[in-house]
Amino acid sequence: MLLLDRFLRKLVRSGPLSVTYAGGQTRRYGEPSPLVAPVAIRFTDASTPRRVALSPAKATGEAFMDGRLVIDEGDVRSFLHLVGHNTRWDADNPTRVALWRAQRLASKVDVWNWQRRSRRNVAHHYDLSDALYDLFLDADRQYSCAYFADEDVSLDQAQLDKKAHIAAKLALSPGQRVLDIGCGWGGMALYLNRVADVDVLGITLSEEQLKVARARAAAAGVAGRVRFELLDYRAVQGSFDRIVSVGMFEHVGPPHYGAFFRKCRELLTPEGVMLLHTIGRADGPGSTDPWTAKYIFPGGYVPALSQIMPALERSYLWLTDLEVWRLHYAQTLDLWYDRVEDRRDEVVRLYDERFLRMWQFYLAGAVSAFRNDGHEVFQLQLTRRRDALPIVRDYMGAAEAALARPFDLPQGDARGST
């Protein structure tokens, strides 16, 4: 108790946070703030507070999952927002630097994603029950940041707008060959085929995603033009007019960035265009926290631009456009969290209470990362030739306007195919 008490007195400035220890003592930390809601937590045993003080991220997540840390006022999202606000990325916050130094050093070992390990890491997260993802994702099962042109739009509309935004940057023409690296359940590939009359090869390392994607293509009657394979990007052969990759780069790992971009250049035609959509860091190279690395995304890593650009420069690819999304993912994750909360009984029936709390902790922590930490989303448009695209951005807006439409899910949707 004493170790955690000292830790929290240094950490929590904005609160209040009320902590009740197993012996019955209650301590309060931080002053009331309009930026955070009051939170009260309770420990059910005497040993957990020390574990939390020694390993804040990992031990806190495990204690919440196991029921040894109980939230009596607020919920896990408000609790992690309070913690995140007090450790936010800011020039006047030395606490953050001290907390993350050890984790940055420990993370160096876990970013080597060789082909066999990459497949195992992907299966850990994406081969969970299809029914779980149906509970909180949109109808097209887009498991990446949505695009909120209007804050009041539905999740389904925001995900459709994301796909239109990406399609516009790809500058597609009928008959082109498109490679979708990390195709998920096939939504992006099917969308590009539908709106632009292109042929798409989608690749994934998840057997469960592959089954769904192939079933969707068959149901839509486009299996001859939209194909899906269980394939590592390093094993792809052929030539493609366009490459799109959404939410996969976080699984590549910094040691492999050079090989990734060289492979993409090799696969692109001379006039080819690539759109890379990835979570990124505004705060420079960091680490994946140990709880997330163990329970959610083993081998996952969110890159800083300072890590991406050297590999990109050495690959002889042109960065023709860069867009930064700062709060879109926080909005997306809030909606996912709300949907899990609304259907918590169904999650428990699929797995159990511990899994539900793990998933809540994961989504709540991610919300805090995008509201308080340095997390954001990068969209990089890349070409082999400097003149492969118009030299002004007007073409993107025109194409996006032509694609804009109210949400409409075609046949072969993710929910109807399983």
Protein backbone atom coordinates (compact mmCIF):
# COMPACT_ATOMS: atom_id res chain seq x y z
CA MET A 1 0.00 0.00 0.00
CA LEU A 2 2.68 2.51 0.96
CA LEU A 3 4.55 2.10 -2.33
CA LEU A 4 1.44 2.70 -4.43
CA ASP A 5 0.38 5.58 -2.19
CA ARG A 6 3.68 7.38 -2.83
CA PHE A 7 3.40 6.61 -6.54
CA LEU A 8 -0.14 7.99 -6.84
CA ARG A 9 0.67 11.14 -4.88
CA LYS A 10 3.29 11.96 -7.50
CA LEU A 11 1.21 10.80 -10.45
CA VAL A 12 -2.30 12.17 -9.90
CA ARG A 13 -2.67 15.93 -10.03
CA SER A 14 -6.08 16.08 -11.71
CA GLY A 15 -8.80 13.96 -10.13
CA PRO A 16 -10.09 13.20 -7.71
CA LEU A 17 -9.15 9.53 -7.56
CA SER A 18 -10.33 7.63 -4.48
CA VAL A 19 -8.55 4.36 -3.66
CA THR A 20 -9.77 1.92 -1.01
CA TYR A 21 -7.21 -0.65 0.04
CA ALA A 22 -7.91 -4.20 1.23
CA GLY A 23 -7.48 -3.21 4.87
CA GLY A 24 -10.30 -0.67 4.58
CA GLN A 25 -8.19 2.50 4.37
CA THR A 26 -9.31 5.02 1.73
CA ARG A 27 -6.89 7.57 0.24
CA ARG A 28 -7.73 10.38 -2.17
CA TYR A 29 -5.45 11.78 -4.85
CA GLY A 30 -5.61 14.83 -7.07
CA GLU A 31 -7.73 17.95 -7.13
CA PRO A 32 -11.13 18.20 -8.89
CA SER A 33 -10.77 19.08 -12.56
CA PRO A 34 -13.30 19.89 -15.30
CA LEU A 35 -11.22 17.69 -17.63
CA VAL A 36 -11.67 14.42 -15.72
CA ALA A 37 -14.57 12.83 -13.85
CA PRO A 38 -14.16 11.55 -10.28
CA VAL A 39 -13.22 7.88 -10.04
CA ALA A 40 -13.22 5.48 -7.09
CA ILE A 41 -11.41 2.14 -7.17
CA ARG A 42 -11.02 -0.65 -4.64
CA PHE A 43 -8.39 -3.37 -4.20
CA THR A 44 -9.64 -6.73 -2.93
CA ASP A 45 -6.28 -8.05 -1.70
CA ALA A 46 -3.17 -6.66 -0.04
CA SER A 47 -0.56 -7.66 -2.64
CA THR A 48 -2.01 -6.05 -5.80
CA PRO A 49 -1.20 -2.40 -4.92
CA ARG A 50 2.52 -3.22 -4.76
CA ARG A 51 2.35 -5.01 -8.12
CA VAL A 52 0.62 -2.00 -9.66
CA ALA A 53 3.27 0.37 -8.30
CA LEU A 54 6.08 -1.77 -9.73
CA SER A 55 4.47 -2.46 -13.13
CA PRO A 56 1.64 0.05 -13.65
CA ALA A 57 0.33 -0.89 -17.09
CA LYS A 58 0.62 -4.68 -16.91
CA ALA A 59 -0.38 -5.17 -13.28
CA THR A 60 -3.31 -2.72 -13.48
CA GLY A 61 -4.75 -4.48 -16.52
CA GLU A 62 -4.35 -7.91 -14.96
CA ALA A 63 -5.87 -6.79 -11.65
CA PHE A 64 -8.91 -5.38 -13.44
CA MET A 65 -9.31 -8.55 -15.52
CA ASP A 66 -9.08 -10.76 -12.42
CA GLY A 67 -11.45 -8.67 -10.31
CA ARG A 68 -8.72 -7.69 -7.84
CA LEU A 69 -9.19 -4.04 -8.85
CA VAL A 70 -12.86 -3.02 -8.74
CA ILE A 71 -14.22 0.32 -9.99
CA ASP A 72 -16.93 1.62 -7.65
CA GLU A 73 -17.41 5.07 -9.21
CA GLY A 74 -17.04 5.63 -12.95
CA ASP A 75 -15.94 2.83 -15.26
CA VAL A 76 -12.68 1.57 -16.71
CA ARG A 77 -12.84 4.17 -19.49
CA SER A 78 -13.11 7.08 -17.03
CA PHE A 79 -10.43 5.50 -14.81
CA LEU A 80 -7.94 5.14 -17.68
CA HIS A 81 -8.80 8.62 -18.93
CA LEU A 82 -7.93 10.01 -15.49
CA VAL A 83 -4.62 8.13 -15.51
CA GLY A 84 -3.97 9.07 -19.14
CA HIS A 85 -4.69 12.74 -18.53
CA ASN A 86 -2.18 12.79 -15.69
CA THR A 87 0.47 11.07 -17.83
CA ARG A 88 -0.44 12.92 -21.04
CA TRP A 89 2.11 13.82 -23.68
CA ASP A 90 3.01 17.39 -22.83
CA ALA A 91 6.15 19.44 -22.42
CA ASP A 92 5.48 20.05 -18.71
CA ASN A 93 4.82 16.44 -17.68
CA PRO A 94 8.04 14.78 -16.38
CA THR A 95 6.04 11.91 -14.83
CA ARG A 96 5.35 10.52 -18.28
CA VAL A 97 9.04 10.35 -19.15
CA ALA A 98 9.92 8.39 -16.01
CA LEU A 99 7.10 5.87 -16.53
CA TRP A 100 7.92 5.08 -20.14
CA ARG A 101 11.73 4.88 -20.02
CA ALA A 102 11.91 1.28 -18.78
CA GLN A 103 9.19 0.12 -21.19
CA ARG A 104 11.03 1.55 -24.18
CA LEU A 105 14.09 -0.47 -23.28
CA ALA A 106 12.08 -3.66 -22.73
CA SER A 107 10.26 -3.33 -26.05
CA LYS A 108 13.39 -3.74 -28.20
CA VAL A 109 13.10 -7.54 -28.16
CA ASP A 110 9.46 -7.83 -29.28
CA VAL A 111 9.48 -6.11 -32.68
CA TRP A 112 11.07 -8.87 -34.76
CA ASN A 113 8.17 -10.24 -36.79
CA TRP A 114 9.58 -13.05 -38.91
CA GLN A 115 7.03 -14.77 -41.17
CA ARG A 116 6.18 -17.66 -38.82
CA ARG A 117 5.95 -15.38 -35.80
CA SER A 118 3.83 -12.84 -37.71
CA ARG A 119 1.21 -15.49 -38.46
CA ARG A 120 1.11 -16.60 -34.82
CA ASN A 121 0.78 -13.01 -33.61
CA VAL A 122 -2.07 -12.26 -36.03
CA ALA A 123 -3.94 -15.44 -35.05
CA HIS A 124 -3.77 -14.39 -31.37
CA HIS A 125 -6.08 -11.44 -32.05
CA TYR A 126 -7.88 -11.86 -35.36
CA ASP A 127 -8.83 -15.53 -35.07
CA LEU A 128 -11.20 -14.84 -32.19
CA SER A 129 -14.90 -15.60 -32.65
CA ASP A 130 -16.56 -13.83 -35.59
CA ALA A 131 -19.52 -13.25 -33.29
CA LEU A 132 -17.35 -11.07 -31.02
CA TYR A 133 -16.45 -8.66 -33.81
CA ASP A 134 -20.05 -8.53 -35.00
CA LEU A 135 -21.04 -7.25 -31.57
CA PHE A 136 -19.10 -3.99 -31.78
CA LEU A 137 -17.89 -3.31 -35.33
CA ASP A 138 -19.92 -1.77 -38.16
CA ALA A 139 -21.88 -3.97 -40.55
CA ASP A 140 -18.93 -4.13 -42.99
CA ARG A 141 -16.65 -5.17 -40.13
CA GLN A 142 -14.06 -2.44 -40.58
CA TYR A 143 -11.57 -2.94 -37.74
CA SER A 144 -9.69 0.32 -38.21
CA CYS A 145 -10.18 4.04 -37.68
CA ALA A 146 -13.37 5.52 -39.14
CA TYR A 147 -13.49 8.97 -40.78
CA PHE A 148 -15.80 11.49 -39.13
CA ALA A 149 -16.42 14.27 -41.61
CA ASP A 150 -19.35 15.08 -39.30
CA GLU A 151 -19.16 14.14 -35.63
CA ASP A 152 -22.82 13.12 -35.58
CA VAL A 153 -22.68 10.47 -38.31
CA SER A 154 -23.18 6.80 -37.47
CA LEU A 155 -20.29 4.38 -37.20
CA ASP A 156 -21.43 2.65 -40.39
CA GLN A 157 -21.45 5.93 -42.31
CA ALA A 158 -18.08 6.99 -40.92
CA GLN A 159 -16.53 3.69 -42.01
CA LEU A 160 -18.03 4.06 -45.48
CA ASP A 161 -16.62 7.60 -45.64
CA LYS A 162 -13.20 6.20 -44.65
CA LYS A 163 -13.27 3.78 -47.59
CA ALA A 164 -14.32 6.57 -49.98
CA HIS A 165 -11.52 8.80 -48.63
CA ILE A 166 -8.96 6.08 -49.31
CA ALA A 167 -10.38 5.20 -52.73
CA ALA A 168 -10.10 8.84 -53.77
CA LYS A 169 -6.41 8.92 -52.86
CA LEU A 170 -5.76 5.76 -54.88
CA ALA A 171 -6.96 7.47 -58.09
CA LEU A 172 -8.45 4.24 -59.42
CA SER A 173 -9.37 3.35 -63.01
CA PRO A 174 -11.48 0.39 -64.22
CA GLY A 175 -9.54 -2.80 -64.82
CA GLN A 176 -6.59 -1.95 -62.60
CA ARG A 177 -5.01 -4.63 -60.38
CA VAL A 178 -5.07 -3.77 -56.69
CA LEU A 179 -3.26 -5.48 -53.80
CA ASP A 180 -4.83 -5.15 -50.34
CA ILE A 181 -2.17 -5.98 -47.72
CA GLY A 182 -3.90 -7.02 -44.52
CA CYS A 183 -7.37 -7.28 -46.04
CA GLY A 184 -9.24 -8.16 -42.85
CA TRP A 185 -12.69 -9.57 -43.57
CA GLY A 186 -12.61 -8.24 -47.14
CA GLY A 187 -14.62 -5.04 -46.82
CA MET A 188 -12.12 -2.68 -48.45
CA ALA A 189 -11.38 -5.05 -51.36
CA LEU A 190 -15.08 -5.58 -52.08
CA TYR A 191 -15.74 -1.84 -51.83
CA LEU A 192 -12.98 -0.92 -54.30
CA ASN A 193 -14.21 -3.50 -56.77
CA ARG A 194 -17.78 -2.22 -56.45
CA VAL A 195 -17.09 1.50 -56.84
CA ALA A 196 -14.13 1.43 -59.25
CA ASP A 197 -14.47 -1.80 -61.27
CA VAL A 198 -10.98 -3.00 -60.30
CA ASP A 199 -9.57 -6.49 -59.65
CA VAL A 200 -8.32 -7.01 -56.12
CA LEU A 201 -6.07 -9.52 -54.38
CA GLY A 202 -6.49 -9.36 -50.62
CA ILE A 203 -3.95 -11.06 -48.36
CA THR A 204 -4.23 -11.91 -44.66
CA LEU A 205 -2.53 -14.13 -42.09
CA SER A 206 -5.82 -14.90 -40.31
CA GLU A 207 -7.55 -18.10 -41.32
CA GLU A 208 -10.84 -16.92 -39.83
CA GLN A 209 -10.74 -13.64 -41.77
CA LEU A 210 -9.88 -15.53 -44.95
CA LYS A 211 -12.97 -17.74 -44.65
CA VAL A 212 -15.27 -14.76 -44.20
CA ALA A 213 -13.67 -12.70 -46.99
CA ARG A 214 -13.95 -15.55 -49.51
CA ALA A 215 -17.56 -16.22 -48.53
CA ARG A 216 -18.40 -12.53 -48.99
CA ALA A 217 -16.82 -12.40 -52.43
CA ALA A 218 -18.75 -15.52 -53.46
CA ALA A 219 -22.02 -14.14 -52.09
CA ALA A 220 -21.49 -10.90 -54.04
CA GLY A 221 -20.77 -12.84 -57.23
CA VAL A 222 -17.29 -11.32 -57.64
CA ALA A 223 -15.03 -14.18 -56.53
CA GLY A 224 -13.38 -14.17 -59.97
CA ARG A 225 -12.33 -10.55 -59.56
CA VAL A 226 -11.85 -10.21 -55.81
CA ARG A 227 -9.59 -12.98 -54.52
CA PHE A 228 -8.28 -13.59 -51.04
CA GLU A 229 -5.21 -15.59 -50.01
CA LEU A 230 -3.55 -16.63 -46.75
CA LEU A 231 -0.23 -15.02 -47.58
CA ASP A 232 2.54 -12.99 -46.01
CA TYR A 233 3.33 -9.76 -47.86
CA ARG A 234 6.91 -10.96 -48.33
CA ALA A 235 5.66 -13.90 -50.42
CA VAL A 236 3.47 -11.94 -52.86
CA GLN A 237 4.45 -12.14 -56.52
CA GLY A 238 3.24 -10.14 -59.51
CA SER A 239 2.64 -6.55 -60.51
CA PHE A 240 -0.07 -4.20 -59.21
CA ASP A 241 -1.31 -0.79 -60.30
CA ARG A 242 -2.40 0.07 -56.79
CA ILE A 243 -1.58 -1.13 -53.27
CA VAL A 244 -3.66 -0.36 -50.21
CA SER A 245 -2.85 -1.32 -46.64
CA VAL A 246 -5.09 -0.31 -43.75
CA GLY A 247 -4.21 -1.17 -40.15
CA MET A 248 -1.58 -3.77 -41.01
CA PHE A 249 1.64 -1.77 -40.76
CA GLU A 250 1.41 -1.80 -36.95
CA HIS A 251 2.27 -5.51 -37.16
CA VAL A 252 5.36 -5.14 -39.39
CA GLY A 253 7.89 -4.07 -36.75
CA PRO A 254 10.63 -1.40 -37.17
CA PRO A 255 13.39 -3.89 -38.13
CA HIS A 256 11.29 -4.87 -41.16
CA TYR A 257 10.21 -1.44 -42.44
CA GLY A 258 12.91 -1.35 -45.10
CA ALA A 259 11.96 -4.79 -46.42
CA PHE A 260 8.27 -3.84 -46.39
CA PHE A 261 8.73 -0.72 -48.51
CA ARG A 262 11.19 -2.39 -50.86
CA LYS A 263 8.68 -5.18 -51.43
CA CYS A 264 5.89 -2.69 -52.10
CA ARG A 265 8.05 -0.84 -54.63
CA GLU A 266 8.88 -4.13 -56.32
CA LEU A 267 5.16 -4.98 -56.61
CA LEU A 268 4.06 -1.57 -57.92
CA THR A 269 3.97 -0.78 -61.62
CA PRO A 270 6.05 2.27 -62.63
CA GLU A 271 2.89 4.44 -62.59
CA GLY A 272 1.58 2.71 -59.47
CA VAL A 273 0.12 4.33 -56.34
CA MET A 274 0.07 3.06 -52.77
CA LEU A 275 -2.00 4.21 -49.78
CA LEU A 276 -0.68 3.23 -46.35
CA HIS A 277 -3.02 3.83 -43.38
CA THR A 278 -1.44 3.22 -39.97
CA ILE A 279 -1.66 4.28 -36.35
CA GLY A 280 1.32 6.48 -35.54
CA ARG A 281 3.06 8.39 -32.77
CA ALA A 282 3.44 12.14 -32.49
CA ASP A 283 5.86 11.71 -29.59
CA GLY A 284 8.67 9.84 -31.28
CA PRO A 285 9.81 6.22 -30.95
CA GLY A 286 8.25 4.46 -27.97
CA SER A 287 7.08 1.03 -26.93
CA THR A 288 4.01 -1.15 -26.80
CA ASP A 289 2.94 -1.36 -23.18
CA PRO A 290 3.50 -4.83 -21.70
CA TRP A 291 -0.18 -5.56 -20.99
CA THR A 292 -1.19 -4.87 -24.61
CA ALA A 293 1.78 -6.83 -25.93
CA LYS A 294 0.82 -9.87 -23.84
CA TYR A 295 -2.96 -9.93 -24.12
CA ILE A 296 -3.98 -8.03 -27.26
CA PHE A 297 -1.32 -7.43 -29.94
CA PRO A 298 1.82 -9.54 -29.44
CA GLY A 299 4.48 -8.19 -31.77
CA GLY A 300 2.46 -5.04 -32.41
CA TYR A 301 4.17 -1.65 -32.55
CA VAL A 302 2.93 1.85 -33.36
CA PRO A 303 5.58 3.75 -35.37
CA ALA A 304 6.71 7.35 -35.31
CA LEU A 305 7.26 9.16 -38.60
CA SER A 306 10.93 9.40 -37.67
CA GLN A 307 11.04 5.59 -37.90
CA ILE A 308 9.02 5.30 -41.10
CA MET A 309 10.78 7.94 -43.15
CA PRO A 310 14.36 6.58 -43.20
CA ALA A 311 13.10 3.22 -44.49
CA LEU A 312 10.85 4.96 -46.99
CA GLU A 313 13.68 7.15 -48.27
CA ARG A 314 15.93 4.14 -48.85
CA SER A 315 13.19 2.37 -50.83
CA TYR A 316 13.09 5.07 -53.57
CA LEU A 317 9.37 5.66 -53.11
CA TRP A 318 7.93 9.16 -53.37
CA LEU A 319 5.83 10.42 -50.47
CA THR A 320 3.24 12.31 -52.50
CA ASP A 321 0.76 13.08 -49.73
CA LEU A 322 0.64 12.79 -45.94
CA GLU A 323 -2.49 13.28 -43.85
CA VAL A 324 -2.71 13.12 -40.05
CA TRP A 325 -5.92 12.16 -38.25
CA ARG A 326 -5.73 13.30 -34.62
CA LEU A 327 -9.08 12.44 -33.00
CA HIS A 328 -10.94 10.21 -35.47
CA TYR A 329 -9.75 7.03 -33.77
CA ALA A 330 -10.76 8.25 -30.32
CA GLN A 331 -14.30 8.73 -31.66
CA THR A 332 -14.23 5.30 -33.32
CA LEU A 333 -13.03 3.59 -30.14
CA ASP A 334 -15.61 5.35 -28.00
CA LEU A 335 -18.34 3.91 -30.21
CA TRP A 336 -16.77 0.44 -30.07
CA TYR A 337 -16.55 0.64 -26.27
CA ASP A 338 -20.20 1.73 -26.01
CA ARG A 339 -21.28 -1.18 -28.19
CA VAL A 340 -19.37 -3.69 -26.07
CA GLU A 341 -20.92 -2.20 -22.93
CA ASP A 342 -24.42 -2.40 -24.45
CA ARG A 343 -23.90 -6.08 -25.31
CA ARG A 344 -21.74 -7.16 -22.41
CA ASP A 345 -23.99 -10.15 -21.61
CA GLU A 346 -23.42 -11.50 -25.12
CA VAL A 347 -19.64 -11.13 -24.76
CA VAL A 348 -19.78 -13.04 -21.48
CA ARG A 349 -21.81 -15.82 -23.14
CA LEU A 350 -19.18 -16.06 -25.89
CA TYR A 351 -16.24 -16.12 -23.47
CA ASP A 352 -16.50 -15.14 -19.79
CA GLU A 353 -16.40 -12.17 -17.40
CA ARG A 354 -12.61 -12.04 -17.42
CA PHE A 355 -12.52 -11.78 -21.21
CA LEU A 356 -15.13 -9.01 -21.11
CA ARG A 357 -13.02 -7.02 -18.66
CA MET A 358 -9.91 -7.63 -20.79
CA TRP A 359 -11.70 -6.28 -23.87
CA GLN A 360 -13.04 -3.28 -21.98
CA PHE A 361 -9.58 -2.48 -20.65
CA TYR A 362 -8.13 -2.76 -24.17
CA LEU A 363 -10.69 -0.41 -25.76
CA ALA A 364 -10.65 2.05 -22.86
CA GLY A 365 -6.86 2.20 -22.88
CA ALA A 366 -6.88 2.84 -26.62
CA VAL A 367 -9.38 5.69 -26.21
CA SER A 368 -7.05 7.28 -23.65
CA ALA A 369 -4.03 6.80 -25.94
CA PHE A 370 -5.73 8.85 -28.67
CA ARG A 371 -7.08 11.51 -26.31
CA ASN A 372 -4.11 11.92 -23.96
CA ASP A 373 -1.04 10.19 -25.37
CA GLY A 374 0.79 10.85 -28.64
CA HIS A 375 -1.26 8.44 -30.75
CA GLU A 376 -2.75 9.51 -34.08
CA VAL A 377 -3.31 8.04 -37.56
CA PHE A 378 -1.11 8.59 -40.63
CA GLN A 379 -2.20 8.17 -44.23
CA LEU A 380 0.79 8.10 -46.59
CA GLN A 381 0.30 8.18 -50.34
CA LEU A 382 3.32 6.73 -52.15
CA THR A 383 4.39 6.38 -55.79
CA ARG A 384 7.39 5.12 -57.75
CA ARG A 385 7.41 8.18 -59.99
CA ARG A 386 7.09 11.82 -59.00
CA ASP A 387 4.67 12.49 -61.90
CA ALA A 388 2.39 9.47 -61.36
CA LEU A 389 -0.36 11.71 -59.94
CA PRO A 390 -1.62 15.28 -60.50
CA ILE A 391 0.53 17.84 -58.72
CA VAL A 392 -2.43 19.43 -56.92
CA ARG A 393 -4.79 17.65 -54.52
CA ASP A 394 -8.07 18.72 -56.19
CA TYR A 395 -8.53 15.31 -57.81
CA MET A 396 -8.92 13.70 -54.37
CA GLY A 397 -11.82 15.94 -53.36
CA ALA A 398 -13.56 15.47 -56.70
CA ALA A 399 -13.27 11.69 -56.52
CA GLU A 400 -14.40 11.60 -52.90
CA ALA A 401 -17.45 13.75 -53.65
CA ALA A 402 -18.41 11.37 -56.46
CA LEU A 403 -18.19 8.42 -54.06
CA ALA A 404 -20.09 10.06 -51.20
CA ARG A 405 -23.39 8.34 -50.44
CA PRO A 406 -25.52 7.36 -47.47
CA PHE A 407 -24.54 4.09 -45.89
CA ASP A 408 -25.54 1.12 -48.04
CA LEU A 409 -24.17 -2.36 -47.45
CA PRO A 410 -24.16 -4.57 -50.57
CA GLN A 411 -24.86 -8.29 -50.67
CA GLY A 412 -22.09 -10.46 -49.25
CA ASP A 413 -21.80 -8.25 -46.18
CA ALA A 414 -19.75 -9.43 -43.23
CA ARG A 415 -22.75 -10.30 -41.07
CA GLY A 416 -24.66 -12.19 -43.70
CA SER A 417 -21.77 -14.47 -44.61
CA THR A 418 -21.11 -16.14 -41.27
